[in-house]
All heavy atoms as atom14 arrays in JSON, in Angstrom:
{
  "sequence": "FRGYVALEDNYTTAGQKTALYLKAAGLVDIKDPSNMTKEEIKKV",
  "atom14_mask": [
    [1, 1, 1, 1, 1, 1, 1, 1, 1, 1, 1, 0, 0, 0],
    [1, 1, 1, 1, 1, 1, 1, 1, 1, 1, 1, 0, 0, 0],
    [1, 1, 1, 1, 0, 0, 0, 0, 0, 0, 0, 0, 0, 0],
    [1, 1, 1, 1, 1, 1, 1, 1, 1, 1, 1, 1, 0, 0],
    [1, 1, 1, 1, 1, 1, 1, 0, 0, 0, 0, 0, 0, 0],
    [1, 1, 1, 1, 1, 0, 0, 0, 0, 0, 0, 0, 0, 0],
    [1, 1, 1, 1, 1, 1, 1, 1, 0, 0, 0, 0, 0, 0],
    [1, 1, 1, 1, 1, 1, 1, 1, 1, 0, 0, 0, 0, 0],
    [1, 1, 1, 1, 1, 1, 1, 1, 0, 0, 0, 0, 0, 0],
    [1, 1, 1, 1, 1, 1, 1, 1, 0, 0, 0, 0, 0, 0],
    [1, 1, 1, 1, 1, 1, 1, 1, 1, 1, 1, 1, 0, 0],
    [1, 1, 1, 1, 1, 1, 1, 0, 0, 0, 0, 0, 0, 0],
    [1, 1, 1, 1, 1, 1, 1, 0, 0, 0, 0, 0, 0, 0],
    [1, 1, 1, 1, 1, 0, 0, 0, 0, 0, 0, 0, 0, 0],
    [1, 1, 1, 1, 0, 0, 0, 0, 0, 0, 0, 0, 0, 0],
    [1, 1, 1, 1, 1, 1, 1, 1, 1, 0, 0, 0, 0, 0],
    [1, 1, 1, 1, 1, 1, 1, 1, 1, 0, 0, 0, 0, 0],
    [1, 1, 1, 1, 1, 1, 1, 0, 0, 0, 0, 0, 0, 0],
    [1, 1, 1, 1, 1, 0, 0, 0, 0, 0, 0, 0, 0, 0],
    [1, 1, 1, 1, 1, 1, 1, 1, 0, 0, 0, 0, 0, 0],
    [1, 1, 1, 1, 1, 1, 1, 1, 1, 1, 1, 1, 0, 0],
    [1, 1, 1, 1, 1, 1, 1, 1, 0, 0, 0, 0, 0, 0],
    [1, 1, 1, 1, 1, 1, 1, 1, 1, 0, 0, 0, 0, 0],
    [1, 1, 1, 1, 1, 0, 0, 0, 0, 0, 0, 0, 0, 0],
    [1, 1, 1, 1, 1, 0, 0, 0, 0, 0, 0, 0, 0, 0],
    [1, 1, 1, 1, 0, 0, 0, 0, 0, 0, 0, 0, 0, 0],
    [1, 1, 1, 1, 1, 1, 1, 1, 0, 0, 0, 0, 0, 0],
    [1, 1, 1, 1, 1, 1, 1, 0, 0, 0, 0, 0, 0, 0],
    [1, 1, 1, 1, 1, 1, 1, 1, 0, 0, 0, 0, 0, 0],
    [1, 1, 1, 1, 1, 1, 1, 1, 0, 0, 0, 0, 0, 0],
    [1, 1, 1, 1, 1, 1, 1, 1, 1, 0, 0, 0, 0, 0],
    [1, 1, 1, 1, 1, 1, 1, 1, 0, 0, 0, 0, 0, 0],
    [1, 1, 1, 1, 1, 1, 1, 0, 0, 0, 0, 0, 0, 0],
    [1, 1, 1, 1, 1, 1, 0, 0, 0, 0, 0, 0, 0, 0],
    [1, 1, 1, 1, 1, 1, 1, 1, 0, 0, 0, 0, 0, 0],
    [1, 1, 1, 1, 1, 1, 1, 1, 0, 0, 0, 0, 0, 0],
    [1, 1, 1, 1, 1, 1, 1, 0, 0, 0, 0, 0, 0, 0],
    [1, 1, 1, 1, 1, 1, 1, 1, 1, 0, 0, 0, 0, 0],
    [1, 1, 1, 1, 1, 1, 1, 1, 1, 0, 0, 0, 0, 0],
    [1, 1, 1, 1, 1, 1, 1, 1, 1, 0, 0, 0, 0, 0],
    [1, 1, 1, 1, 1, 1, 1, 1, 0, 0, 0, 0, 0, 0],
    [1, 1, 1, 1, 1, 1, 1, 1, 1, 0, 0, 0, 0, 0],
    [1, 1, 1, 1, 1, 1, 1, 1, 1, 0, 0, 0, 0, 0],
    [1, 1, 1, 1, 1, 1, 1, 0, 0, 0, 0, 0, 0, 0]
  ],
  "atom14_positions": [
    [[21.79, -40.27, 127.03], [21.45, -39.72, 125.72], [20.85, -38.32, 125.83], [20.26, -37.82, 124.87], [20.47, -40.64, 125.0], [21.04, -42.0, 124.68], [20.48, -43.14, 125.23], [22.12, -42.13, 123.83], [21.0, -44.4, 124.95], [22.66, -43.38, 123.54], [22.1, -44.51, 124.1], [0.0, 0.0, 0.0], [0.0, 0.0, 0.0], [0.0, 0.0, 0.0]],
    [[21.02, -37.7, 126.97], [20.43, -36.38, 127.22], [20.89, -35.38, 126.14], [22.07, -35.25, 125.86], [20.81, -35.88, 128.6], [20.21, -34.52, 128.97], [20.48, -34.23, 130.43], [19.78, -35.19, 131.3], [20.08, -35.42, 132.57], [21.11, -34.78, 133.13], [19.4, -36.3, 133.28], [0.0, 0.0, 0.0], [0.0, 0.0, 0.0], [0.0, 0.0, 0.0]],
    [[19.9, -34.72, 125.55], [20.2, -33.73, 124.51], [20.27, -34.3, 123.12], [20.41, -33.56, 122.14], [0.0, 0.0, 0.0], [0.0, 0.0, 0.0], [0.0, 0.0, 0.0], [0.0, 0.0, 0.0], [0.0, 0.0, 0.0], [0.0, 0.0, 0.0], [0.0, 0.0, 0.0], [0.0, 0.0, 0.0], [0.0, 0.0, 0.0], [0.0, 0.0, 0.0]],
    [[20.15, -35.61, 123.0], [20.23, -36.27, 121.7], [19.06, -37.21, 121.46], [19.21, -38.26, 120.85], [21.56, -37.04, 121.58], [22.75, -36.12, 121.58], [23.42, -35.83, 122.76], [23.2, -35.52, 120.4], [24.52, -34.97, 122.77], [24.28, -34.67, 120.4], [24.93, -34.39, 121.58], [26.01, -33.56, 121.6], [0.0, 0.0, 0.0], [0.0, 0.0, 0.0]],
    [[17.9, -36.82, 121.97], [16.68, -37.62, 121.82], [15.63, -36.77, 121.1], [15.5, -35.57, 121.38], [16.14, -38.08, 123.2], [14.83, -38.86, 123.02], [17.18, -38.92, 123.92], [0.0, 0.0, 0.0], [0.0, 0.0, 0.0], [0.0, 0.0, 0.0], [0.0, 0.0, 0.0], [0.0, 0.0, 0.0], [0.0, 0.0, 0.0], [0.0, 0.0, 0.0]],
    [[14.88, -37.38, 120.19], [13.82, -36.68, 119.48], [12.5, -37.42, 119.69], [12.47, -38.66, 119.6], [14.12, -36.56, 117.99], [0.0, 0.0, 0.0], [0.0, 0.0, 0.0], [0.0, 0.0, 0.0], [0.0, 0.0, 0.0], [0.0, 0.0, 0.0], [0.0, 0.0, 0.0], [0.0, 0.0, 0.0], [0.0, 0.0, 0.0], [0.0, 0.0, 0.0]],
    [[11.44, -36.67, 119.93], [10.11, -37.25, 120.09], [9.22, -36.78, 118.95], [9.38, -35.67, 118.43], [9.47, -36.8, 121.4], [10.05, -37.28, 122.73], [9.21, -36.76, 123.87], [10.09, -38.8, 122.77], [0.0, 0.0, 0.0], [0.0, 0.0, 0.0], [0.0, 0.0, 0.0], [0.0, 0.0, 0.0], [0.0, 0.0, 0.0], [0.0, 0.0, 0.0]],
    [[8.25, -37.61, 118.59], [7.25, -37.19, 117.62], [6.23, -36.29, 118.29], [5.82, -36.52, 119.43], [6.53, -38.4, 117.01], [5.53, -38.0, 115.94], [4.78, -39.17, 115.33], [5.02, -40.31, 115.77], [3.96, -38.94, 114.42], [0.0, 0.0, 0.0], [0.0, 0.0, 0.0], [0.0, 0.0, 0.0], [0.0, 0.0, 0.0], [0.0, 0.0, 0.0]],
    [[5.8, -35.27, 117.56], [4.76, -34.36, 118.08], [3.4, -35.03, 117.92], [2.59, -34.66, 117.06], [4.82, -33.04, 117.31], [3.84, -32.01, 117.86], [3.23, -32.27, 118.91], [3.69, -30.95, 117.23], [0.0, 0.0, 0.0], [0.0, 0.0, 0.0], [0.0, 0.0, 0.0], [0.0, 0.0, 0.0], [0.0, 0.0, 0.0], [0.0, 0.0, 0.0]],
    [[3.14, -36.03, 118.76], [1.91, -36.82, 118.64], [1.67, -37.57, 119.95], [2.46, -38.4, 120.35], [2.03, -37.81, 117.48], [0.72, -38.49, 117.15], [-0.11, -38.71, 118.03], [0.54, -38.84, 115.89], [0.0, 0.0, 0.0], [0.0, 0.0, 0.0], [0.0, 0.0, 0.0], [0.0, 0.0, 0.0], [0.0, 0.0, 0.0], [0.0, 0.0, 0.0]],
    [[0.56, -37.23, 120.62], [0.28, -37.86, 121.9], [-0.14, -39.32, 121.77], [-0.09, -40.06, 122.75], [-0.78, -37.08, 122.68], [-2.06, -36.79, 121.92], [-3.02, -37.78, 121.75], [-2.3, -35.52, 121.41], [-4.19, -37.5, 121.06], [-3.47, -35.25, 120.73], [-4.43, -36.24, 120.55], [-5.58, -35.96, 119.86], [0.0, 0.0, 0.0], [0.0, 0.0, 0.0]],
    [[-0.59, -39.75, 120.57], [-0.96, -41.16, 120.42], [0.23, -42.03, 120.04], [0.09, -43.24, 119.91], [-2.08, -41.36, 119.37], [-1.58, -41.01, 118.08], [-3.28, -40.5, 119.7], [0.0, 0.0, 0.0], [0.0, 0.0, 0.0], [0.0, 0.0, 0.0], [0.0, 0.0, 0.0], [0.0, 0.0, 0.0], [0.0, 0.0, 0.0], [0.0, 0.0, 0.0]],
    [[1.4, -41.43, 119.87], [2.61, -42.21, 119.65], [3.58, -41.95, 120.82], [3.76, -42.83, 121.66], [3.26, -41.85, 118.31], [3.45, -40.44, 118.23], [2.4, -42.31, 117.15], [0.0, 0.0, 0.0], [0.0, 0.0, 0.0], [0.0, 0.0, 0.0], [0.0, 0.0, 0.0], [0.0, 0.0, 0.0], [0.0, 0.0, 0.0], [0.0, 0.0, 0.0]],
    [[4.15, -40.77, 120.86], [5.12, -40.47, 121.93], [4.48, -40.58, 123.3], [5.08, -41.13, 124.25], [5.71, -39.07, 121.72], [0.0, 0.0, 0.0], [0.0, 0.0, 0.0], [0.0, 0.0, 0.0], [0.0, 0.0, 0.0], [0.0, 0.0, 0.0], [0.0, 0.0, 0.0], [0.0, 0.0, 0.0], [0.0, 0.0, 0.0], [0.0, 0.0, 0.0]],
    [[3.26, -40.06, 123.43], [2.58, -40.13, 124.72], [2.28, -41.55, 125.14], [2.48, -41.93, 126.3], [0.0, 0.0, 0.0], [0.0, 0.0, 0.0], [0.0, 0.0, 0.0], [0.0, 0.0, 0.0], [0.0, 0.0, 0.0], [0.0, 0.0, 0.0], [0.0, 0.0, 0.0], [0.0, 0.0, 0.0], [0.0, 0.0, 0.0], [0.0, 0.0, 0.0]],
    [[1.83, -42.37, 124.19], [1.47, -43.75, 124.53], [2.71, -44.59, 124.79], [2.7, -45.46, 125.67], [0.63, -44.36, 123.4], [-0.06, -45.66, 123.81], [-1.06, -46.12, 122.76], [-1.68, -45.32, 122.08], [-1.19, -47.42, 122.64], [0.0, 0.0, 0.0], [0.0, 0.0, 0.0], [0.0, 0.0, 0.0], [0.0, 0.0, 0.0], [0.0, 0.0, 0.0]],
    [[3.79, -44.34, 124.05], [5.03, -45.06, 124.31], [5.59, -44.72, 125.69], [6.11, -45.58, 126.4], [6.07, -44.73, 123.23], [5.74, -45.3, 121.87], [6.74, -44.83, 120.83], [6.32, -45.24, 119.44], [7.24, -44.71, 118.4], [0.0, 0.0, 0.0], [0.0, 0.0, 0.0], [0.0, 0.0, 0.0], [0.0, 0.0, 0.0], [0.0, 0.0, 0.0]],
    [[5.45, -43.46, 126.05], [5.9, -43.05, 127.39], [5.08, -43.76, 128.46], [5.63, -44.22, 129.47], [5.76, -41.53, 127.55], [6.51, -40.86, 126.53], [6.27, -41.08, 128.92], [0.0, 0.0, 0.0], [0.0, 0.0, 0.0], [0.0, 0.0, 0.0], [0.0, 0.0, 0.0], [0.0, 0.0, 0.0], [0.0, 0.0, 0.0], [0.0, 0.0, 0.0]],
    [[3.78, -43.85, 128.23], [2.92, -44.56, 129.18], [3.31, -46.03, 129.29], [3.33, -46.61, 130.38], [1.46, -44.44, 128.75], [0.0, 0.0, 0.0], [0.0, 0.0, 0.0], [0.0, 0.0, 0.0], [0.0, 0.0, 0.0], [0.0, 0.0, 0.0], [0.0, 0.0, 0.0], [0.0, 0.0, 0.0], [0.0, 0.0, 0.0], [0.0, 0.0, 0.0]],
    [[3.65, -46.65, 128.16], [4.08, -48.04, 128.16], [5.35, -48.2, 128.99], [5.47, -49.15, 129.78], [4.32, -48.5, 126.72], [4.75, -49.95, 126.52], [3.69, -50.92, 127.0], [5.08, -50.21, 125.04], [0.0, 0.0, 0.0], [0.0, 0.0, 0.0], [0.0, 0.0, 0.0], [0.0, 0.0, 0.0], [0.0, 0.0, 0.0], [0.0, 0.0, 0.0]],
    [[6.28, -47.26, 128.82], [7.53, -47.3, 129.6], [7.26, -47.13, 131.09], [7.78, -47.89, 131.93], [8.47, -46.2, 129.11], [9.56, -45.88, 130.09], [10.64, -46.76, 130.29], [9.53, -44.71, 130.86], [11.65, -46.47, 131.2], [10.53, -44.42, 131.77], [11.58, -45.3, 131.94], [12.56, -45.02, 132.86], [0.0, 0.0, 0.0], [0.0, 0.0, 0.0]],
    [[6.46, -46.12, 131.45], [6.18, -45.85, 132.86], [5.48, -47.02, 133.53], [5.76, -47.35, 134.68], [5.35, -44.58, 132.98], [6.04, -43.28, 132.58], [5.05, -42.13, 132.6], [7.23, -42.98, 133.49], [0.0, 0.0, 0.0], [0.0, 0.0, 0.0], [0.0, 0.0, 0.0], [0.0, 0.0, 0.0], [0.0, 0.0, 0.0], [0.0, 0.0, 0.0]],
    [[4.58, -47.66, 132.79], [3.86, -48.82, 133.34], [4.82, -50.0, 133.54], [4.83, -50.62, 134.6], [2.72, -49.22, 132.4], [1.95, -50.46, 132.83], [0.84, -50.81, 131.83], [0.13, -52.11, 132.15], [-0.61, -52.03, 133.42], [0.0, 0.0, 0.0], [0.0, 0.0, 0.0], [0.0, 0.0, 0.0], [0.0, 0.0, 0.0], [0.0, 0.0, 0.0]],
    [[5.62, -50.27, 132.51], [6.53, -51.42, 132.57], [7.59, -51.22, 133.65], [8.02, -52.19, 134.31], [7.2, -51.63, 131.21], [0.0, 0.0, 0.0], [0.0, 0.0, 0.0], [0.0, 0.0, 0.0], [0.0, 0.0, 0.0], [0.0, 0.0, 0.0], [0.0, 0.0, 0.0], [0.0, 0.0, 0.0], [0.0, 0.0, 0.0], [0.0, 0.0, 0.0]],
    [[8.01, -49.98, 133.85], [9.05, -49.68, 134.84], [8.48, -49.57, 136.25], [9.24, -49.44, 137.22], [9.78, -48.4, 134.47], [0.0, 0.0, 0.0], [0.0, 0.0, 0.0], [0.0, 0.0, 0.0], [0.0, 0.0, 0.0], [0.0, 0.0, 0.0], [0.0, 0.0, 0.0], [0.0, 0.0, 0.0], [0.0, 0.0, 0.0], [0.0, 0.0, 0.0]],
    [[7.17, -49.6, 136.37], [6.54, -49.48, 137.68], [6.62, -48.09, 138.27], [6.47, -47.91, 139.47], [0.0, 0.0, 0.0], [0.0, 0.0, 0.0], [0.0, 0.0, 0.0], [0.0, 0.0, 0.0], [0.0, 0.0, 0.0], [0.0, 0.0, 0.0], [0.0, 0.0, 0.0], [0.0, 0.0, 0.0], [0.0, 0.0, 0.0], [0.0, 0.0, 0.0]],
    [[6.78, -47.09, 137.39], [6.9, -45.71, 137.87], [5.55, -45.02, 138.03], [5.4, -44.12, 138.85], [7.77, -44.9, 136.89], [9.22, -45.39, 136.77], [9.95, -44.57, 135.7], [9.93, -45.28, 138.09], [0.0, 0.0, 0.0], [0.0, 0.0, 0.0], [0.0, 0.0, 0.0], [0.0, 0.0, 0.0], [0.0, 0.0, 0.0], [0.0, 0.0, 0.0]],
    [[4.59, -45.44, 137.23], [3.24, -44.89, 137.3], [2.24, -46.03, 137.14], [2.42, -46.91, 136.3], [2.98, -43.83, 136.21], [1.55, -43.33, 136.25], [3.94, -42.66, 136.37], [0.0, 0.0, 0.0], [0.0, 0.0, 0.0], [0.0, 0.0, 0.0], [0.0, 0.0, 0.0], [0.0, 0.0, 0.0], [0.0, 0.0, 0.0], [0.0, 0.0, 0.0]],
    [[1.19, -46.02, 137.94], [0.15, -47.03, 137.84], [-0.79, -46.68, 136.7], [-1.64, -45.8, 136.84], [-0.62, -47.14, 139.17], [-1.65, -48.27, 139.15], [-1.55, -49.13, 138.25], [-2.53, -48.28, 140.03], [0.0, 0.0, 0.0], [0.0, 0.0, 0.0], [0.0, 0.0, 0.0], [0.0, 0.0, 0.0], [0.0, 0.0, 0.0], [0.0, 0.0, 0.0]],
    [[-0.62, -47.34, 135.56], [-1.44, -47.1, 134.38], [-2.1, -48.41, 133.98], [-1.43, -49.39, 133.66], [-0.58, -46.56, 133.21], [0.03, -45.22, 133.59], [-1.43, -46.42, 131.94], [0.99, -44.66, 132.55], [0.0, 0.0, 0.0], [0.0, 0.0, 0.0], [0.0, 0.0, 0.0], [0.0, 0.0, 0.0], [0.0, 0.0, 0.0], [0.0, 0.0, 0.0]],
    [[-3.41, -48.43, 133.99], [-4.13, -49.66, 133.67], [-4.02, -50.03, 132.21], [-3.71, -51.16, 131.86], [-5.61, -49.51, 134.07], [-6.43, -50.78, 133.85], [-7.87, -50.6, 134.31], [-8.66, -51.88, 134.09], [-10.08, -51.74, 134.52], [0.0, 0.0, 0.0], [0.0, 0.0, 0.0], [0.0, 0.0, 0.0], [0.0, 0.0, 0.0], [0.0, 0.0, 0.0]],
    [[-4.28, -49.07, 131.32], [-4.27, -49.34, 129.89], [-3.57, -48.18, 129.17], [-4.16, -47.12, 129.0], [-5.69, -49.5, 129.37], [-5.73, -49.83, 127.87], [-4.66, -49.97, 127.25], [-6.85, -49.94, 127.34], [0.0, 0.0, 0.0], [0.0, 0.0, 0.0], [0.0, 0.0, 0.0], [0.0, 0.0, 0.0], [0.0, 0.0, 0.0], [0.0, 0.0, 0.0]],
    [[-2.3, -48.35, 128.73], [-1.6, -47.26, 128.06], [-2.27, -46.77, 126.79], [-2.03, -45.64, 126.36], [-0.24, -47.89, 127.73], [-0.06, -48.98, 128.74], [-1.44, -49.53, 128.97], [0.0, 0.0, 0.0], [0.0, 0.0, 0.0], [0.0, 0.0, 0.0], [0.0, 0.0, 0.0], [0.0, 0.0, 0.0], [0.0, 0.0, 0.0], [0.0, 0.0, 0.0]],
    [[-3.12, -47.6, 126.2], [-3.78, -47.21, 124.96], [-5.04, -46.37, 125.18], [-5.58, -45.78, 124.23], [-4.15, -48.45, 124.12], [-5.19, -49.19, 124.75], [0.0, 0.0, 0.0], [0.0, 0.0, 0.0], [0.0, 0.0, 0.0], [0.0, 0.0, 0.0], [0.0, 0.0, 0.0], [0.0, 0.0, 0.0], [0.0, 0.0, 0.0], [0.0, 0.0, 0.0]],
    [[-5.51, -46.31, 126.4], [-6.74, -45.57, 126.68], [-6.7, -45.08, 128.13], [-7.39, -45.59, 129.0], [-7.96, -46.45, 126.43], [-9.23, -45.64, 126.36], [-9.23, -44.45, 126.05], [-10.35, -46.28, 126.64], [0.0, 0.0, 0.0], [0.0, 0.0, 0.0], [0.0, 0.0, 0.0], [0.0, 0.0, 0.0], [0.0, 0.0, 0.0], [0.0, 0.0, 0.0]],
    [[-5.9, -44.06, 128.35], [-5.65, -43.59, 129.71], [-6.75, -42.7, 130.26], [-7.47, -42.04, 129.51], [-4.32, -42.83, 129.75], [-3.12, -43.74, 129.56], [-1.55, -42.8, 129.61], [-1.48, -42.23, 127.91], [0.0, 0.0, 0.0], [0.0, 0.0, 0.0], [0.0, 0.0, 0.0], [0.0, 0.0, 0.0], [0.0, 0.0, 0.0], [0.0, 0.0, 0.0]],
    [[-6.84, -42.69, 131.56], [-7.75, -41.76, 132.23], [-7.11, -40.36, 132.21], [-5.92, -40.2, 131.89], [-7.98, -42.18, 133.69], [-6.73, -42.07, 134.41], [-8.5, -43.6, 133.78], [0.0, 0.0, 0.0], [0.0, 0.0, 0.0], [0.0, 0.0, 0.0], [0.0, 0.0, 0.0], [0.0, 0.0, 0.0], [0.0, 0.0, 0.0], [0.0, 0.0, 0.0]],
    [[-7.89, -39.36, 132.6], [-7.36, -37.99, 132.64], [-6.19, -37.89, 133.61], [-5.2, -37.2, 133.36], [-8.47, -37.01, 133.05], [-9.6, -36.9, 132.02], [-10.68, -35.95, 132.5], [-11.81, -35.86, 131.5], [-12.89, -34.93, 131.96], [0.0, 0.0, 0.0], [0.0, 0.0, 0.0], [0.0, 0.0, 0.0], [0.0, 0.0, 0.0], [0.0, 0.0, 0.0]],
    [[-6.31, -38.59, 134.73], [-5.24, -38.55, 135.74], [-3.99, -39.23, 135.23], [-2.86, -38.78, 135.49], [-5.72, -39.23, 137.03], [-6.83, -38.51, 137.77], [-8.2, -38.65, 137.09], [-8.35, -39.59, 136.26], [-9.09, -37.84, 137.38], [0.0, 0.0, 0.0], [0.0, 0.0, 0.0], [0.0, 0.0, 0.0], [0.0, 0.0, 0.0], [0.0, 0.0, 0.0]],
    [[-4.16, -40.33, 134.49], [-3.0, -41.06, 133.98], [-2.25, -40.26, 132.92], [-1.01, -40.19, 132.96], [-3.46, -42.4, 133.41], [-3.9, -43.4, 134.49], [-4.58, -44.62, 133.91], [-4.99, -44.59, 132.72], [-4.71, -45.62, 134.64], [0.0, 0.0, 0.0], [0.0, 0.0, 0.0], [0.0, 0.0, 0.0], [0.0, 0.0, 0.0], [0.0, 0.0, 0.0]],
    [[-2.97, -39.65, 131.99], [-2.3, -38.88, 130.94], [-1.61, -37.67, 131.56], [-0.53, -37.25, 131.1], [-3.27, -38.48, 129.81], [-2.51, -37.78, 128.67], [-4.38, -37.61, 130.31], [-1.46, -38.6, 128.0], [0.0, 0.0, 0.0], [0.0, 0.0, 0.0], [0.0, 0.0, 0.0], [0.0, 0.0, 0.0], [0.0, 0.0, 0.0], [0.0, 0.0, 0.0]],
    [[-2.18, -37.1, 132.63], [-1.54, -35.98, 133.3], [-0.2, -36.41, 133.9], [0.8, -35.67, 133.81], [-2.44, -35.42, 134.41], [-1.82, -34.23, 135.15], [-2.71, -33.74, 136.28], [-2.11, -32.52, 136.97], [-0.76, -32.79, 137.5], [0.0, 0.0, 0.0], [0.0, 0.0, 0.0], [0.0, 0.0, 0.0], [0.0, 0.0, 0.0], [0.0, 0.0, 0.0]],
    [[-0.16, -37.59, 134.48], [1.09, -38.09, 135.07], [2.13, -38.35, 133.98], [3.33, -38.1, 134.19], [0.81, -39.36, 135.87], [0.01, -39.11, 137.15], [-0.27, -40.41, 137.89], [-1.08, -40.15, 139.16], [-1.39, -41.42, 139.88], [0.0, 0.0, 0.0], [0.0, 0.0, 0.0], [0.0, 0.0, 0.0], [0.0, 0.0, 0.0], [0.0, 0.0, 0.0]],
    [[1.68, -38.84, 132.84], [2.59, -39.07, 131.72], [3.22, -37.76, 131.26], [4.42, -37.65, 131.06], [1.85, -39.76, 130.55], [2.7, -39.73, 129.27], [1.51, -41.21, 130.91], [0.0, 0.0, 0.0], [0.0, 0.0, 0.0], [0.0, 0.0, 0.0], [0.0, 0.0, 0.0], [0.0, 0.0, 0.0], [0.0, 0.0, 0.0], [0.0, 0.0, 0.0]]
  ]
}
């Protein structure tokens, strides 16, 4: 779907959904997608 994806300009929606994906896929170690540390949000 490259080039045909739209994200909301909002870190508490698009950012948190991305964190949920990364955690579920095992790509990034994120303890709580709803309340990330500085290091976790940087990785997102």
